[in-house]
Amino acid sequence: MLTFGKQDRLRSPADFKRVYERKCSVSNSWLIVYGLGNGLGRLRLGLSVSRKIGNAVARNRFKRLYREAFRLTRAELPTGLDLILLPKSSRQPTLDQVCQSLRTLVPALIRRLKSLEKK
């Protein structure tokens, strides 16, 4: 169950656009998490790492780190969401810091999505 296949990724630009247009995000010192319900019964992940983070080697290191953190914590997170993760600074966090961030930020994102639905 700890795989990360094609069905677990946001792949099309339309998927990313849909999540960004909802404008619902939470953040901490390491990352920003955008989210939107997907109605699929599983979590899907998209990564957006800008050139401000560094060269291609640094950006790919961030992507690998975030994918691994998502893969390890996915069983603990609620399902039915599309998530986009963005690094907040060019400082490289540890795997444990990213995992802990996901554990705290995704429930906060769900609370924010629910409060926006009520409005």
PDB file of N, CA and C in Angstrom:
ATOM      1  N   MET A   1       0.827  -1.207   0.000  1.00  0.00           N
ATOM      2  CA  MET A   1       0.000   0.000   0.000  1.00  0.00           C
ATOM      3  C   MET A   1       0.862   1.258   0.000  1.00  0.00           C
ATOM      4  N   LEU A   2       2.153   1.108   0.228  1.00  0.00           N
ATOM      5  CA  LEU A   2       3.011   2.281   0.286  1.00  0.00           C
ATOM      6  C   LEU A   2       3.596   2.619  -1.079  1.00  0.00           C
ATOM      7  N   THR A   3       2.821   2.452  -2.130  1.00  0.00           N
ATOM      8  CA  THR A   3       3.285   2.805  -3.461  1.00  0.00           C
ATOM      9  C   THR A   3       2.824   4.215  -3.805  1.00  0.00           C
ATOM     10  N   PHE A   4       3.346   4.724  -4.898  1.00  0.00           N
ATOM     11  CA  PHE A   4       2.952   6.049  -5.372  1.00  0.00           C
ATOM     12  C   PHE A   4       2.833   5.965  -6.887  1.00  0.00           C
ATOM     13  N   GLY A   5       1.684   5.520  -7.352  1.00  0.00           N
ATOM     14  CA  GLY A   5       1.473   5.292  -8.772  1.00  0.00           C
ATOM     15  C   GLY A   5       0.821   6.469  -9.468  1.00  0.00           C
ATOM     16  N   LYS A   6       0.515   6.277 -10.749  1.00  0.00           N
ATOM     17  CA  LYS A   6      -0.084   7.343 -11.553  1.00  0.00           C
ATOM     18  C   LYS A   6      -1.427   7.807 -11.009  1.00  0.00           C
ATOM     19  N   GLN A   7      -2.206   6.881 -10.443  1.00  0.00           N
ATOM     20  CA  GLN A   7      -3.528   7.248  -9.931  1.00  0.00           C
ATOM     21  C   GLN A   7      -3.432   8.121  -8.681  1.00  0.00           C
ATOM     22  N   ASP A   8      -2.240   8.227  -8.094  1.00  0.00           N
ATOM     23  CA  ASP A   8      -2.044   9.022  -6.880  1.00  0.00           C
ATOM     24  C   ASP A   8      -1.503  10.415  -7.169  1.00  0.00           C
ATOM     25  N   ARG A   9      -1.375  10.772  -8.448  1.00  0.00           N
ATOM     26  CA  ARG A   9      -0.774  12.046  -8.820  1.00  0.00           C
ATOM     27  C   ARG A   9      -1.773  12.960  -9.512  1.00  0.00           C
ATOM     28  N   LEU A  10      -1.586  14.250  -9.336  1.00  0.00           N
ATOM     29  CA  LEU A  10      -2.266  15.241 -10.169  1.00  0.00           C
ATOM     30  C   LEU A  10      -1.388  15.395 -11.400  1.00  0.00           C
ATOM     31  N   ARG A  11      -1.939  15.096 -12.567  1.00  0.00           N
ATOM     32  CA  ARG A  11      -1.100  15.091 -13.759  1.00  0.00           C
ATOM     33  C   ARG A  11      -1.455  16.175 -14.764  1.00  0.00           C
ATOM     34  N   SER A  12      -2.712  16.523 -14.879  1.00  0.00           N
ATOM     35  CA  SER A  12      -3.082  17.479 -15.918  1.00  0.00           C
ATOM     36  C   SER A  12      -3.069  18.908 -15.369  1.00  0.00           C
ATOM     37  N   PRO A  13      -2.743  19.858 -16.231  1.00  0.00           N
ATOM     38  CA  PRO A  13      -2.806  21.266 -15.797  1.00  0.00           C
ATOM     39  C   PRO A  13      -4.200  21.669 -15.317  1.00  0.00           C
ATOM     40  N   ALA A  14      -5.236  21.029 -15.861  1.00  0.00           N
ATOM     41  CA  ALA A  14      -6.601  21.350 -15.417  1.00  0.00           C
ATOM     42  C   ALA A  14      -6.807  20.960 -13.960  1.00  0.00           C
ATOM     43  N   ASP A  15      -6.216  19.840 -13.525  1.00  0.00           N
ATOM     44  CA  ASP A  15      -6.316  19.436 -12.119  1.00  0.00           C
ATOM     45  C   ASP A  15      -5.656  20.468 -11.208  1.00  0.00           C
ATOM     46  N   PHE A  16      -4.460  20.913 -11.590  1.00  0.00           N
ATOM     47  CA  PHE A  16      -3.766  21.922 -10.797  1.00  0.00           C
ATOM     48  C   PHE A  16      -4.571  23.221 -10.761  1.00  0.00           C
ATOM     49  N   LYS A  17      -5.099  23.626 -11.895  1.00  0.00           N
ATOM     50  CA  LYS A  17      -5.861  24.871 -11.979  1.00  0.00           C
ATOM     51  C   LYS A  17      -7.090  24.819 -11.089  1.00  0.00           C
ATOM     52  N   ARG A  18      -7.773  23.672 -11.080  1.00  0.00           N
ATOM     53  CA  ARG A  18      -8.975  23.513 -10.265  1.00  0.00           C
ATOM     54  C   ARG A  18      -8.656  23.691  -8.783  1.00  0.00           C
ATOM     55  N   VAL A  19      -7.535  23.122  -8.334  1.00  0.00           N
ATOM     56  CA  VAL A  19      -7.145  23.236  -6.922  1.00  0.00           C
ATOM     57  C   VAL A  19      -6.743  24.676  -6.601  1.00  0.00           C
ATOM     58  N   TYR A  20      -5.953  25.291  -7.477  1.00  0.00           N
ATOM     59  CA  TYR A  20      -5.519  26.668  -7.219  1.00  0.00           C
ATOM     60  C   TYR A  20      -6.689  27.644  -7.232  1.00  0.00           C
ATOM     61  N   GLU A  21      -7.670  27.434  -8.092  1.00  0.00           N
ATOM     62  CA  GLU A  21      -8.812  28.349  -8.169  1.00  0.00           C
ATOM     63  C   GLU A  21      -9.670  28.330  -6.913  1.00  0.00           C
ATOM     64  N   ARG A  22      -9.648  27.238  -6.165  1.00  0.00           N
ATOM     65  CA  ARG A  22     -10.397  27.156  -4.906  1.00  0.00           C
ATOM     66  C   ARG A  22      -9.809  28.083  -3.859  1.00  0.00           C
ATOM     67  N   LYS A  23      -8.517  28.395  -3.981  1.00  0.00           N
ATOM     68  CA  LYS A  23      -7.818  29.329  -3.095  1.00  0.00           C
ATOM     69  C   LYS A  23      -7.944  28.955  -1.624  1.00  0.00           C
ATOM     70  N   CYS A  24      -7.780  27.678  -1.341  1.00  0.00           N
ATOM     71  CA  CYS A  24      -7.818  27.220   0.043  1.00  0.00           C
ATOM     72  C   CYS A  24      -6.465  26.604   0.375  1.00  0.00           C
ATOM     73  N   SER A  25      -5.733  27.241   1.287  1.00  0.00           N
ATOM     74  CA  SER A  25      -4.402  26.749   1.616  1.00  0.00           C
ATOM     75  C   SER A  25      -4.119  26.927   3.102  1.00  0.00           C
ATOM     76  N   VAL A  26      -3.166  26.136   3.569  1.00  0.00           N
ATOM     77  CA  VAL A  26      -2.626  26.257   4.918  1.00  0.00           C
ATOM     78  C   VAL A  26      -1.111  26.138   4.783  1.00  0.00           C
ATOM     79  N   SER A  27      -0.386  26.656   5.771  1.00  0.00           N
ATOM     80  CA  SER A  27       1.069  26.596   5.672  1.00  0.00           C
ATOM     81  C   SER A  27       1.707  26.592   7.053  1.00  0.00           C
ATOM     82  N   ASN A  28       2.962  26.198   7.068  1.00  0.00           N
ATOM     83  CA  ASN A  28       3.804  26.347   8.247  1.00  0.00           C
ATOM     84  C   ASN A  28       5.158  26.836   7.755  1.00  0.00           C
ATOM     85  N   SER A  29       6.196  26.686   8.552  1.00  0.00           N
ATOM     86  CA  SER A  29       7.495  27.232   8.152  1.00  0.00           C
ATOM     87  C   SER A  29       8.148  26.461   7.015  1.00  0.00           C
ATOM     88  N   TRP A  30       7.683  25.236   6.729  1.00  0.00           N
ATOM     89  CA  TRP A  30       8.318  24.419   5.695  1.00  0.00           C
ATOM     90  C   TRP A  30       7.566  24.380   4.376  1.00  0.00           C
ATOM     91  N   LEU A  31       6.236  24.322   4.425  1.00  0.00           N
ATOM     92  CA  LEU A  31       5.523  24.155   3.168  1.00  0.00           C
ATOM     93  C   LEU A  31       4.147  24.776   3.188  1.00  0.00           C
ATOM     94  N   ILE A  32       3.622  24.958   1.977  1.00  0.00           N
ATOM     95  CA  ILE A  32       2.268  25.457   1.757  1.00  0.00           C
ATOM     96  C   ILE A  32       1.486  24.313   1.126  1.00  0.00           C
ATOM     97  N   VAL A  33       0.286  24.060   1.634  1.00  0.00           N
ATOM     98  CA  VAL A  33      -0.550  22.982   1.109  1.00  0.00           C
ATOM     99  C   VAL A  33      -1.855  23.584   0.594  1.00  0.00           C
ATOM    100  N   TYR A  34      -2.089  23.434  -0.697  1.00  0.00           N
ATOM    101  CA  TYR A  34      -3.372  23.796  -1.304  1.00  0.00           C
ATOM    102  C   TYR A  34      -4.186  22.518  -1.405  1.00  0.00           C
ATOM    103  N   GLY A  35      -5.509  22.621  -1.276  1.00  0.00           N
ATOM    104  CA  GLY A  35      -6.323  21.413  -1.348  1.00  0.00           C
ATOM    105  C   GLY A  35      -7.726  21.656  -1.826  1.00  0.00           C
ATOM    106  N   LEU A  36      -8.337  20.559  -2.276  1.00  0.00           N
ATOM    107  CA  LEU A  36      -9.705  20.570  -2.773  1.00  0.00           C
ATOM    108  C   LEU A  36     -10.213  19.142  -2.745  1.00  0.00           C
ATOM    109  N   GLY A  37     -11.475  18.953  -2.395  1.00  0.00           N
ATOM    110  CA  GLY A  37     -12.064  17.626  -2.434  1.00  0.00           C
ATOM    111  C   GLY A  37     -12.140  17.110  -3.864  1.00  0.00           C
ATOM    112  N   ASN A  38     -11.909  15.800  -4.042  1.00  0.00           N
ATOM    113  CA  ASN A  38     -11.921  15.262  -5.405  1.00  0.00           C
ATOM    114  C   ASN A  38     -13.031  14.246  -5.649  1.00  0.00           C
ATOM    115  N   GLY A  39     -13.700  13.753  -4.607  1.00  0.00           N
ATOM    116  CA  GLY A  39     -14.781  12.800  -4.775  1.00  0.00           C
ATOM    117  C   GLY A  39     -14.347  11.435  -5.264  1.00  0.00           C
ATOM    118  N   LEU A  40     -13.056  11.131  -5.199  1.00  0.00           N
ATOM    119  CA  LEU A  40     -12.545   9.852  -5.693  1.00  0.00           C
ATOM    120  C   LEU A  40     -12.313   8.826  -4.591  1.00  0.00           C
ATOM    121  N   GLY A  41     -12.304   9.259  -3.344  1.00  0.00           N
ATOM    122  CA  GLY A  41     -12.063   8.322  -2.254  1.00  0.00           C
ATOM    123  C   GLY A  41     -10.590   8.024  -2.036  1.00  0.00           C
ATOM    124  N   ARG A  42      -9.708   8.800  -2.644  1.00  0.00           N
ATOM    125  CA  ARG A  42      -8.278   8.640  -2.389  1.00  0.00           C
ATOM    126  C   ARG A  42      -7.593   9.995  -2.500  1.00  0.00           C
ATOM    127  N   LEU A  43      -6.431  10.064  -1.882  1.00  0.00           N
ATOM    128  CA  LEU A  43      -5.625  11.275  -1.945  1.00  0.00           C
ATOM    129  C   LEU A  43      -4.834  11.302  -3.244  1.00  0.00           C
ATOM    130  N   ARG A  44      -4.736  12.481  -3.836  1.00  0.00           N
ATOM    131  CA  ARG A  44      -3.848  12.670  -4.980  1.00  0.00           C
ATOM    132  C   ARG A  44      -2.927  13.841  -4.673  1.00  0.00           C
ATOM    133  N   LEU A  45      -1.692  13.747  -5.150  1.00  0.00           N
ATOM    134  CA  LEU A  45      -0.665  14.727  -4.818  1.00  0.00           C
ATOM    135  C   LEU A  45      -0.134  15.397  -6.068  1.00  0.00           C
ATOM    136  N   GLY A  46       0.027  16.708  -5.983  1.00  0.00           N
ATOM    137  CA  GLY A  46       0.720  17.477  -7.006  1.00  0.00           C
ATOM    138  C   GLY A  46       1.825  18.267  -6.339  1.00  0.00           C
ATOM    139  N   LEU A  47       2.928  18.447  -7.038  1.00  0.00           N
ATOM    140  CA  LEU A  47       4.062  19.191  -6.504  1.00  0.00           C
ATOM    141  C   LEU A  47       4.366  20.366  -7.414  1.00  0.00           C
ATOM    142  N   SER A  48       4.643  21.505  -6.814  1.00  0.00           N
ATOM    143  CA  SER A  48       4.995  22.686  -7.576  1.00  0.00           C
ATOM    144  C   SER A  48       6.203  23.327  -6.897  1.00  0.00           C
ATOM    145  N   VAL A  49       7.376  23.169  -7.511  1.00  0.00           N
ATOM    146  CA  VAL A  49       8.612  23.680  -6.924  1.00  0.00           C
ATOM    147  C   VAL A  49       9.194  24.703  -7.900  1.00  0.00           C
ATOM    148  N   SER A  50       9.209  25.963  -7.499  1.00  0.00           N
ATOM    149  CA  SER A  50       9.633  27.035  -8.404  1.00  0.00           C
ATOM    150  C   SER A  50      11.152  27.130  -8.486  1.00  0.00           C
ATOM    151  N   ARG A  51      11.605  27.910  -9.437  1.00  0.00           N
ATOM    152  CA  ARG A  51      13.042  28.111  -9.625  1.00  0.00           C
ATOM    153  C   ARG A  51      13.669  28.905  -8.491  1.00  0.00           C
ATOM    154  N   LYS A  52      12.851  29.578  -7.698  1.00  0.00           N
ATOM    155  CA  LYS A  52      13.380  30.311  -6.550  1.00  0.00           C
ATOM    156  C   LYS A  52      14.063  29.365  -5.565  1.00  0.00           C
ATOM    157  N   ILE A  53      13.662  28.101  -5.574  1.00  0.00           N
ATOM    158  CA  ILE A  53      14.213  27.109  -4.653  1.00  0.00           C
ATOM    159  C   ILE A  53      15.653  26.784  -5.004  1.00  0.00           C
ATOM    160  N   GLY A  54      15.991  26.825  -6.285  1.00  0.00           N
ATOM    161  CA  GLY A  54      17.366  26.530  -6.680  1.00  0.00           C
ATOM    162  C   GLY A  54      17.409  25.913  -8.060  1.00  0.00           C
ATOM    163  N   ASN A  55      18.531  25.279  -8.349  1.00  0.00           N
ATOM    164  CA  ASN A  55      18.694  24.660  -9.657  1.00  0.00           C
ATOM    165  C   ASN A  55      17.890  23.358  -9.741  1.00  0.00           C
ATOM    166  N   ALA A  56      17.965  22.692 -10.874  1.00  0.00           N
ATOM    167  CA  ALA A  56      17.157  21.490 -11.097  1.00  0.00           C
ATOM    168  C   ALA A  56      17.464  20.403 -10.075  1.00  0.00           C
ATOM    169  N   VAL A  57      18.708  20.283  -9.675  1.00  0.00           N
ATOM    170  CA  VAL A  57      19.084  19.262  -8.695  1.00  0.00           C
ATOM    171  C   VAL A  57      18.374  19.530  -7.367  1.00  0.00           C
ATOM    172  N   ALA A  58      18.390  20.768  -6.915  1.00  0.00           N
ATOM    173  CA  ALA A  58      17.733  21.128  -5.650  1.00  0.00           C
ATOM    174  C   ALA A  58      16.222  20.948  -5.743  1.00  0.00           C
ATOM    175  N   ARG A  59      15.625  21.365  -6.865  1.00  0.00           N
ATOM    176  CA  ARG A  59      14.169  21.219  -7.021  1.00  0.00           C
ATOM    177  C   ARG A  59      13.760  19.757  -7.031  1.00  0.00           C
ATOM    178  N   ASN A  60      14.520  18.920  -7.706  1.00  0.00           N
ATOM    179  CA  ASN A  60      14.191  17.495  -7.741  1.00  0.00           C
ATOM    180  C   ASN A  60      14.375  16.842  -6.377  1.00  0.00           C
ATOM    181  N   ARG A  61      15.340  17.308  -5.594  1.00  0.00           N
ATOM    182  CA  ARG A  61      15.526  16.777  -4.241  1.00  0.00           C
ATOM    183  C   ARG A  61      14.308  17.090  -3.377  1.00  0.00           C
ATOM    184  N   PHE A  62      13.768  18.313  -3.512  1.00  0.00           N
ATOM    185  CA  PHE A  62      12.548  18.676  -2.780  1.00  0.00           C
ATOM    186  C   PHE A  62      11.391  17.779  -3.214  1.00  0.00           C
ATOM    187  N   LYS A  63      11.244  17.557  -4.512  1.00  0.00           N
ATOM    188  CA  LYS A  63      10.141  16.730  -5.007  1.00  0.00           C
ATOM    189  C   LYS A  63      10.248  15.308  -4.475  1.00  0.00           C
ATOM    190  N   ARG A  64      11.435  14.745  -4.492  1.00  0.00           N
ATOM    191  CA  ARG A  64      11.612  13.383  -3.961  1.00  0.00           C
ATOM    192  C   ARG A  64      11.271  13.322  -2.479  1.00  0.00           C
ATOM    193  N   LEU A  65      11.712  14.334  -1.737  1.00  0.00           N
ATOM    194  CA  LEU A  65      11.444  14.386  -0.300  1.00  0.00           C
ATOM    195  C   LEU A  65       9.942  14.480  -0.034  1.00  0.00           C
ATOM    196  N   TYR A  66       9.237  15.338  -0.757  1.00  0.00           N
ATOM    197  CA  TYR A  66       7.802  15.507  -0.538  1.00  0.00           C
ATOM    198  C   TYR A  66       7.015  14.274  -0.964  1.00  0.00           C
ATOM    199  N   ARG A  67       7.415  13.641  -2.069  1.00  0.00           N
ATOM    200  CA  ARG A  67       6.735  12.404  -2.484  1.00  0.00           C
ATOM    201  C   ARG A  67       6.906  11.308  -1.448  1.00  0.00           C
ATOM    202  N   GLU A  68       8.107  11.181  -0.899  1.00  0.00           N
ATOM    203  CA  GLU A  68       8.360  10.153   0.110  1.00  0.00           C
ATOM    204  C   GLU A  68       7.567  10.435   1.385  1.00  0.00           C
ATOM    205  N   ALA A  69       7.521  11.686   1.814  1.00  0.00           N
ATOM    206  CA  ALA A  69       6.744  12.035   3.010  1.00  0.00           C
ATOM    207  C   ALA A  69       5.265  11.732   2.784  1.00  0.00           C
ATOM    208  N   PHE A  70       4.751  12.059   1.612  1.00  0.00           N
ATOM    209  CA  PHE A  70       3.356  11.762   1.293  1.00  0.00           C
ATOM    210  C   PHE A  70       3.112  10.257   1.293  1.00  0.00           C
ATOM    211  N   ARG A  71       4.015   9.506   0.697  1.00  0.00           N
ATOM    212  CA  ARG A  71       3.876   8.049   0.613  1.00  0.00           C
ATOM    213  C   ARG A  71       3.834   7.430   2.013  1.00  0.00           C
ATOM    214  N   LEU A  72       4.664   7.928   2.921  1.00  0.00           N
ATOM    215  CA  LEU A  72       4.737   7.370   4.268  1.00  0.00           C
ATOM    216  C   LEU A  72       3.566   7.783   5.155  1.00  0.00           C
ATOM    217  N   THR A  73       2.996   8.959   4.942  1.00  0.00           N
ATOM    218  CA  THR A  73       1.929   9.447   5.822  1.00  0.00           C
ATOM    219  C   THR A  73       0.531   9.275   5.234  1.00  0.00           C
ATOM    220  N   ARG A  74       0.424   8.825   3.991  1.00  0.00           N
ATOM    221  CA  ARG A  74      -0.876   8.758   3.322  1.00  0.00           C
ATOM    222  C   ARG A  74      -1.890   7.917   4.094  1.00  0.00           C
ATOM    223  N   ALA A  75      -1.463   6.841   4.729  1.00  0.00           N
ATOM    224  CA  ALA A  75      -2.394   5.990   5.474  1.00  0.00           C
ATOM    225  C   ALA A  75      -3.000   6.718   6.668  1.00  0.00           C
ATOM    226  N   GLU A  76      -2.309   7.712   7.211  1.00  0.00           N
ATOM    227  CA  GLU A  76      -2.797   8.457   8.381  1.00  0.00           C
ATOM    228  C   GLU A  76      -3.668   9.653   7.993  1.00  0.00           C
ATOM    229  N   LEU A  77      -3.672  10.011   6.723  1.00  0.00           N
ATOM    230  CA  LEU A  77      -4.380  11.212   6.282  1.00  0.00           C
ATOM    231  C   LEU A  77      -5.769  10.862   5.778  1.00  0.00           C
ATOM    232  N   PRO A  78      -6.724  11.783   5.877  1.00  0.00           N
ATOM    233  CA  PRO A  78      -8.064  11.561   5.341  1.00  0.00           C
ATOM    234  C   PRO A  78      -8.016  11.469   3.816  1.00  0.00           C
ATOM    235  N   THR A  79      -8.959  10.747   3.235  1.00  0.00           N
ATOM    236  CA  THR A  79      -8.961  10.536   1.787  1.00  0.00           C
ATOM    237  C   THR A  79      -9.921  11.499   1.101  1.00  0.00           C
ATOM    238  N   GLY A  80      -9.927  11.454  -0.222  1.00  0.00           N
ATOM    239  CA  GLY A  80     -10.862  12.254  -1.001  1.00  0.00           C
ATOM    240  C   GLY A  80     -10.409  13.674  -1.271  1.00  0.00           C
ATOM    241  N   LEU A  81      -9.096  13.901  -1.275  1.00  0.00           N
ATOM    242  CA  LEU A  81      -8.566  15.249  -1.486  1.00  0.00           C
ATOM    243  C   LEU A  81      -7.526  15.258  -2.600  1.00  0.00           C
ATOM    244  N   ASP A  82      -7.443  16.385  -3.283  1.00  0.00           N
ATOM    245  CA  ASP A  82      -6.322  16.681  -4.160  1.00  0.00           C
ATOM    246  C   ASP A  82      -5.464  17.688  -3.423  1.00  0.00           C
ATOM    247  N   LEU A  83      -4.181  17.403  -3.265  1.00  0.00           N
ATOM    248  CA  LEU A  83      -3.267  18.273  -2.542  1.00  0.00           C
ATOM    249  C   LEU A  83      -2.164  18.749  -3.471  1.00  0.00           C
ATOM    250  N   ILE A  84      -1.765  20.002  -3.321  1.00  0.00           N
ATOM    251  CA  ILE A  84      -0.588  20.522  -4.004  1.00  0.00           C
ATOM    252  C   ILE A  84       0.351  21.042  -2.924  1.00  0.00           C
ATOM    253  N   LEU A  85       1.585  20.563  -2.945  1.00  0.00           N
ATOM    254  CA  LEU A  85       2.583  20.979  -1.969  1.00  0.00           C
ATOM    255  C   LEU A  85       3.579  21.922  -2.623  1.00  0.00           C
ATOM    256  N   LEU A  86       3.876  23.017  -1.924  1.00  0.00           N
ATOM    257  CA  LEU A  86       4.870  23.984  -2.383  1.00  0.00           C
ATOM    258  C   LEU A  86       5.860  24.228  -1.252  1.00  0.00           C
ATOM    259  N   PRO A  87       7.154  24.181  -1.528  1.00  0.00           N
ATOM    260  CA  PRO A  87       8.121  24.529  -0.479  1.00  0.00           C
ATOM    261  C   PRO A  87       8.028  26.005  -0.144  1.00  0.00           C
ATOM    262  N   LYS A  88       8.175  26.321   1.132  1.00  0.00           N
ATOM    263  CA  LYS A  88       8.055  27.723   1.549  1.00  0.00           C
ATOM    264  C   LYS A  88       9.403  28.428   1.541  1.00  0.00           C
ATOM    265  N   SER A  89      10.476  27.693   1.749  1.00  0.00           N
ATOM    266  CA  SER A  89      11.801  28.310   1.710  1.00  0.00           C
ATOM    267  C   SER A  89      12.769  27.342   1.045  1.00  0.00           C
ATOM    268  N   SER A  90      13.926  27.843   0.685  1.00  0.00           N
ATOM    269  CA  SER A  90      14.909  26.997   0.016  1.00  0.00           C
ATOM    270  C   SER A  90      15.700  26.152   1.011  1.00  0.00           C
ATOM    271  N   ARG A  91      15.470  26.349   2.304  1.00  0.00           N
ATOM    272  CA  ARG A  91      16.113  25.479   3.299  1.00  0.00           C
ATOM    273  C   ARG A  91      15.486  24.093   3.214  1.00  0.00           C
ATOM    274  N   GLN A  92      16.315  23.078   3.187  1.00  0.00           N
ATOM    275  CA  GLN A  92      15.833  21.711   3.019  1.00  0.00           C
ATOM    276  C   GLN A  92      15.413  21.133   4.377  1.00  0.00           C
ATOM    277  N   PRO A  93      14.130  20.773   4.547  1.00  0.00           N
ATOM    278  CA  PRO A  93      13.693  20.144   5.796  1.00  0.00           C
ATOM    279  C   PRO A  93      14.085  18.667   5.812  1.00  0.00           C
ATOM    280  N   THR A  94      13.986  18.049   6.972  1.00  0.00           N
ATOM    281  CA  THR A  94      14.213  16.609   7.053  1.00  0.00           C
ATOM    282  C   THR A  94      12.921  15.888   6.696  1.00  0.00           C
ATOM    283  N   LEU A  95      13.024  14.607   6.446  1.00  0.00           N
ATOM    284  CA  LEU A  95      11.850  13.804   6.122  1.00  0.00           C
ATOM    285  C   LEU A  95      10.856  13.828   7.281  1.00  0.00           C
ATOM    286  N   ASP A  96      11.339  13.738   8.512  1.00  0.00           N
ATOM    287  CA  ASP A  96      10.445  13.768   9.679  1.00  0.00           C
ATOM    288  C   ASP A  96       9.701  15.093   9.785  1.00  0.00           C
ATOM    289  N   GLN A  97      10.365  16.194   9.478  1.00  0.00           N
ATOM    290  CA  GLN A  97       9.711  17.498   9.546  1.00  0.00           C
ATOM    291  C   GLN A  97       8.598  17.610   8.509  1.00  0.00           C
ATOM    292  N   VAL A  98       8.839  17.095   7.314  1.00  0.00           N
ATOM    293  CA  VAL A  98       7.806  17.151   6.278  1.00  0.00           C
ATOM    294  C   VAL A  98       6.647  16.228   6.638  1.00  0.00           C
ATOM    295  N   CYS A  99       6.945  15.032   7.136  1.00  0.00           N
ATOM    296  CA  CYS A  99       5.876  14.106   7.548  1.00  0.00           C
ATOM    297  C   CYS A  99       5.013  14.736   8.638  1.00  0.00           C
ATOM    298  N   GLN A 100       5.648  15.337   9.632  1.00  0.00           N
ATOM    299  CA  GLN A 100       4.896  15.974  10.716  1.00  0.00           C
ATOM    300  C   GLN A 100       4.079  17.151  10.196  1.00  0.00           C
ATOM    301  N   SER A 101       4.635  17.898   9.252  1.00  0.00           N
ATOM    302  CA  SER A 101       3.897  19.018   8.657  1.00  0.00           C
ATOM    303  C   SER A 101       2.647  18.523   7.951  1.00  0.00           C
ATOM    304  N   LEU A 102       2.771  17.436   7.198  1.00  0.00           N
ATOM    305  CA  LEU A 102       1.601  16.886   6.512  1.00  0.00           C
ATOM    306  C   LEU A 102       0.549  16.418   7.506  1.00  0.00           C
ATOM    307  N   ARG A 103       0.991  15.786   8.596  1.00  0.00           N
ATOM    308  CA  ARG A 103       0.040  15.290   9.605  1.00  0.00           C
ATOM    309  C   ARG A 103      -0.746  16.428  10.250  1.00  0.00           C
ATOM    310  N   THR A 104      -0.150  17.593  10.368  1.00  0.00           N
ATOM    311  CA  THR A 104      -0.854  18.705  11.004  1.00  0.00           C
ATOM    312  C   THR A 104      -1.582  19.595   9.992  1.00  0.00           C
ATOM    313  N   LEU A 105      -0.994  19.792   8.816  1.00  0.00           N
ATOM    314  CA  LEU A 105      -1.578  20.726   7.860  1.00  0.00           C
ATOM    315  C   LEU A 105      -2.789  20.174   7.113  1.00  0.00           C
ATOM    316  N   VAL A 106      -2.796  18.892   6.803  1.00  0.00           N
ATOM    317  CA  VAL A 106      -3.934  18.346   6.042  1.00  0.00           C
ATOM    318  C   VAL A 106      -5.227  18.405   6.867  1.00  0.00           C
ATOM    319  N   PRO A 107      -5.244  18.004   8.149  1.00  0.00           N
ATOM    320  CA  PRO A 107      -6.479  18.200   8.925  1.00  0.00           C
ATOM    321  C   PRO A 107      -6.893  19.670   9.039  1.00  0.00           C
ATOM    322  N   ALA A 108      -5.905  20.568   9.154  1.00  0.00           N
ATOM    323  CA  ALA A 108      -6.228  22.008   9.194  1.00  0.00           C
ATOM    324  C   ALA A 108      -6.832  22.454   7.870  1.00  0.00           C
ATOM    325  N   LEU A 109      -6.328  21.924   6.775  1.00  0.00           N
ATOM    326  CA  LEU A 109      -6.881  22.243   5.456  1.00  0.00           C
ATOM    327  C   LEU A 109      -8.322  21.761   5.344  1.00  0.00           C
ATOM    328  N   ILE A 110      -8.612  20.577   5.862  1.00  0.00           N
ATOM    329  CA  ILE A 110      -9.976  20.047   5.816  1.00  0.00           C
ATOM    330  C   ILE A 110     -10.917  20.937   6.620  1.00  0.00           C
ATOM    331  N   ARG A 111     -10.467  21.388   7.783  1.00  0.00           N
ATOM    332  CA  ARG A 111     -11.292  22.308   8.581  1.00  0.00           C
ATOM    333  C   ARG A 111     -11.561  23.599   7.810  1.00  0.00           C
ATOM    334  N   ARG A 112     -10.552  24.113   7.131  1.00  0.00           N
ATOM    335  CA  ARG A 112     -10.728  25.342   6.358  1.00  0.00           C
ATOM    336  C   ARG A 112     -11.670  25.123   5.178  1.00  0.00           C
ATOM    337  N   LEU A 113     -11.558  23.987   4.507  1.00  0.00           N
ATOM    338  CA  LEU A 113     -12.470  23.677   3.387  1.00  0.00           C
ATOM    339  C   LEU A 113     -13.917  23.595   3.877  1.00  0.00           C
ATOM    340  N   LYS A 114     -14.118  22.971   5.036  1.00  0.00           N
ATOM    341  CA  LYS A 114     -15.472  22.856   5.578  1.00  0.00           C
ATOM    342  C   LYS A 114     -16.031  24.228   5.960  1.00  0.00           C
ATOM    343  N   SER A 115     -15.178  25.082   6.502  1.00  0.00           N
ATOM    344  CA  SER A 115     -15.667  26.419   6.882  1.00  0.00           C
ATOM    345  C   SER A 115     -15.992  27.246   5.632  1.00  0.00           C
ATOM    346  N   LEU A 116     -15.269  27.054   4.546  1.00  0.00           N
ATOM    347  CA  LEU A 116     -15.563  27.774   3.308  1.00  0.00           C
ATOM    348  C   LEU A 116     -16.846  27.274   2.661  1.00  0.00           C
ATOM    349  N   GLU A 117     -17.147  25.988   2.827  1.00  0.00           N
ATOM    350  CA  GLU A 117     -18.394  25.434   2.276  1.00  0.00           C
ATOM    351  C   GLU A 117     -19.614  26.000   2.970  1.00  0.00           C
ATOM    352  N   LYS A 118     -19.473  26.314   4.271  1.00  0.00           N
ATOM    353  CA  LYS A 118     -20.616  26.832   5.024  1.00  0.00           C
ATOM    354  C   LYS A 118     -20.980  28.250   4.607  1.00  0.00           C
ATOM    355  N   LYS A 119     -19.995  28.991   4.072  1.00  0.00           N
ATOM    356  CA  LYS A 119     -20.241  30.393   3.708  1.00  0.00           C
ATOM    357  C   LYS A 119     -21.051  30.504   2.444  1.00  0.00           C
TER     358      LYS A 119
END
